[in-house]
């Protein structure tokens, strides 16, 4: 989990090294890690793509990606269970271990904003789709987010 700037820097360097090993030339200023605070106040600048992460009690709950054309997924989908088929709020409501918070469709979004740590990776769009996909895959492999992927394919849940 990213509790300190040192932990973020360590992961950032790992990501940079993997990108460079695969032939993707990346400069330091092309990827920024941004803590969105509580409540979350995320900003998605023009000409960028992004990875968003939600963390709770030392665990990554969700890691996802957005292109320049999917800003609603970045800003709002994960806070509203009825917005689309797959989102963080819907996963939390379906998780029996989260029932202790007494959440419902109307309260889960505010709970996420106030109780999870959101760190976004703001990525220069010139790095492209393959870099975005690779960065997301690296973070999935490292942190195995609780609400990610097909449960039948997850060896870590067996």
Protein backbone atom coordinates (compact mmCIF):
# COMPACT_ATOMS: atom_id res chain seq x y z
CA UNK A 1 0.00 0.00 0.00
CA UNK A 2 1.15 3.53 -0.63
CA UNK A 3 1.36 5.03 2.85
CA UNK A 4 4.51 7.05 2.26
CA UNK A 5 6.06 8.98 -0.60
CA UNK A 6 8.99 6.55 -0.42
CA UNK A 7 6.68 3.61 -1.19
CA UNK A 8 5.22 5.50 -4.15
CA UNK A 9 8.70 6.37 -5.46
CA UNK A 10 9.81 2.74 -5.18
CA UNK A 11 6.83 1.55 -7.24
CA UNK A 12 7.22 4.41 -9.70
CA UNK A 13 10.83 3.41 -10.38
CA UNK A 14 9.80 -0.23 -10.82
CA UNK A 15 7.13 0.81 -13.34
CA UNK A 16 9.62 3.02 -15.19
CA UNK A 17 12.15 0.19 -15.36
CA UNK A 18 9.61 -2.28 -16.75
CA UNK A 19 8.35 0.24 -19.32
CA UNK A 20 11.91 0.92 -20.46
CA UNK A 21 12.70 -2.80 -20.67
CA UNK A 22 9.76 -3.23 -23.02
CA UNK A 23 10.94 -0.41 -25.27
CA UNK A 24 8.58 2.30 -23.99
CA UNK A 25 10.65 5.43 -23.47
CA UNK A 26 9.28 7.32 -20.50
CA UNK A 27 10.41 10.50 -18.80
CA UNK A 28 9.91 11.29 -15.11
CA UNK A 29 7.35 14.04 -15.77
CA UNK A 30 5.14 11.77 -17.92
CA UNK A 31 3.71 9.84 -14.95
CA UNK A 32 2.53 11.55 -11.76
CA UNK A 33 1.10 9.86 -8.66
CA UNK A 34 -1.61 12.10 -7.18
CA UNK A 35 -3.26 11.52 -3.80
CA UNK A 36 -6.88 12.67 -4.12
CA UNK A 37 -7.36 13.30 -0.40
CA UNK A 38 -10.54 12.81 1.67
CA UNK A 39 -13.09 13.39 0.43
CA UNK A 40 -11.66 12.52 -2.98
CA UNK A 41 -11.03 15.49 -5.26
CA UNK A 42 -9.58 14.03 -8.44
CA UNK A 43 -8.44 16.07 -11.41
CA UNK A 44 -8.06 14.66 -14.90
CA UNK A 45 -6.11 17.03 -17.17
CA UNK A 46 -6.44 17.20 -20.95
CA UNK A 47 -4.10 15.09 -23.05
CA UNK A 48 -3.73 12.50 -20.32
CA UNK A 49 -4.80 8.96 -19.56
CA UNK A 50 -4.97 7.57 -16.05
CA UNK A 51 -4.85 4.66 -13.65
CA UNK A 52 -7.02 5.06 -10.54
CA UNK A 53 -6.59 3.11 -7.33
CA UNK A 54 -8.77 2.75 -4.24
CA UNK A 55 -7.16 1.49 -1.03
CA UNK A 56 -8.73 0.58 2.29
CA UNK A 57 -7.14 -0.73 5.48
CA UNK A 58 -3.88 -1.75 3.83
CA UNK A 59 -5.47 -3.39 0.79
CA UNK A 60 -6.10 -2.30 -2.77
CA UNK A 61 -9.80 -2.65 -3.51
CA UNK A 62 -9.83 -1.55 -7.15
CA UNK A 63 -7.27 -0.58 -9.78
CA UNK A 64 -8.56 0.56 -13.15
CA UNK A 65 -7.71 2.62 -16.20
CA UNK A 66 -9.34 5.33 -18.25
CA UNK A 67 -8.66 6.91 -21.60
CA UNK A 68 -9.17 10.56 -22.47
CA UNK A 69 -12.68 9.75 -23.69
CA UNK A 70 -13.93 8.03 -20.53
CA UNK A 71 -13.80 10.73 -17.88
CA UNK A 72 -17.07 9.67 -16.24
CA UNK A 73 -15.42 6.36 -15.25
CA UNK A 74 -12.64 8.39 -13.62
CA UNK A 75 -14.91 10.90 -11.84
CA UNK A 76 -18.15 9.20 -10.91
CA UNK A 77 -18.89 5.59 -11.95
CA UNK A 78 -17.24 3.96 -8.95
CA UNK A 79 -19.27 6.01 -6.48
CA UNK A 80 -22.72 5.01 -7.86
CA UNK A 81 -23.75 1.33 -7.96
CA UNK A 82 -26.31 1.83 -10.73
CA UNK A 83 -23.97 3.64 -13.15
CA UNK A 84 -22.62 0.58 -14.98
CA UNK A 85 -22.11 -3.18 -14.74
CA UNK A 86 -18.81 -3.17 -12.87
CA UNK A 87 -17.81 -0.59 -10.30
CA UNK A 88 -16.37 -0.29 -6.82
CA UNK A 89 -19.60 0.70 -5.08
CA UNK A 90 -21.45 -2.33 -6.48
CA UNK A 91 -18.61 -4.63 -5.40
CA UNK A 92 -18.59 -3.21 -1.87
CA UNK A 93 -22.35 -3.63 -1.53
CA UNK A 94 -22.09 -7.27 -2.67
CA UNK A 95 -19.25 -8.09 -0.25
CA UNK A 96 -20.53 -9.67 3.00
CA UNK A 97 -17.40 -8.55 4.87
CA UNK A 98 -18.31 -4.91 4.18
CA UNK A 99 -21.85 -5.24 5.58
CA UNK A 100 -20.58 -4.00 8.96
CA UNK A 101 -20.68 -0.49 7.47
CA UNK A 102 -24.46 -0.68 6.85
CA UNK A 103 -24.13 0.78 3.36
CA UNK A 104 -26.79 1.07 0.70
CA UNK A 105 -27.07 2.50 -2.82
CA UNK A 106 -27.41 6.02 -1.44
CA UNK A 107 -24.61 5.97 1.14
CA UNK A 108 -21.86 3.85 -0.45
CA UNK A 109 -20.48 6.65 -2.65
CA UNK A 110 -19.94 9.02 0.27
CA UNK A 111 -18.41 6.18 2.29
CA UNK A 112 -15.91 5.51 -0.53
CA UNK A 113 -15.02 9.22 -0.80
CA UNK A 114 -14.41 9.51 2.95
CA UNK A 115 -12.93 6.12 3.88
CA UNK A 116 -10.76 4.93 1.02
CA UNK A 117 -7.47 6.33 -0.10
CA UNK A 118 -7.50 7.20 -3.78
CA UNK A 119 -4.21 7.61 -5.61
CA UNK A 120 -4.33 8.32 -9.34
CA UNK A 121 -1.52 7.87 -11.81
CA UNK A 122 -1.85 10.71 -14.30
CA UNK A 123 -0.09 9.63 -17.49
CA UNK A 124 0.84 11.69 -20.52
CA UNK A 125 -1.38 10.41 -23.36
CA UNK A 126 1.62 10.30 -25.70
CA UNK A 127 2.77 7.13 -23.87
CA UNK A 128 -0.27 5.42 -25.38
CA UNK A 129 -2.62 2.53 -24.77
CA UNK A 130 0.03 -0.19 -24.45
CA UNK A 131 1.83 1.70 -21.69
CA UNK A 132 -1.50 2.27 -19.92
CA UNK A 133 -2.39 -1.43 -20.13
CA UNK A 134 1.05 -2.49 -18.95
CA UNK A 135 1.04 -0.15 -15.95
CA UNK A 136 -2.39 -1.42 -14.91
CA UNK A 137 -1.22 -5.03 -15.28
CA UNK A 138 1.91 -4.37 -13.21
CA UNK A 139 -0.20 -2.90 -10.39
CA UNK A 140 -2.71 -5.77 -10.59
CA UNK A 141 0.10 -8.33 -10.33
CA UNK A 142 1.74 -6.51 -7.42
CA UNK A 143 -1.34 -5.69 -5.34
CA UNK A 144 -4.06 -8.19 -6.38
CA UNK A 145 -7.00 -5.84 -5.75
CA UNK A 146 -9.92 -7.42 -3.96
CA UNK A 147 -12.55 -6.43 -6.53
CA UNK A 148 -10.68 -7.09 -9.74
CA UNK A 149 -11.13 -9.76 -12.36
CA UNK A 150 -13.05 -12.97 -12.79
CA UNK A 151 -13.20 -14.74 -9.44
CA UNK A 152 -12.98 -18.15 -11.14
CA UNK A 153 -9.56 -17.25 -12.57
CA UNK A 154 -8.07 -15.83 -9.38
CA UNK A 155 -5.66 -18.32 -7.82
CA UNK A 156 -5.18 -16.03 -4.83
CA UNK A 157 -8.82 -16.50 -3.75
CA UNK A 158 -8.71 -20.31 -3.66
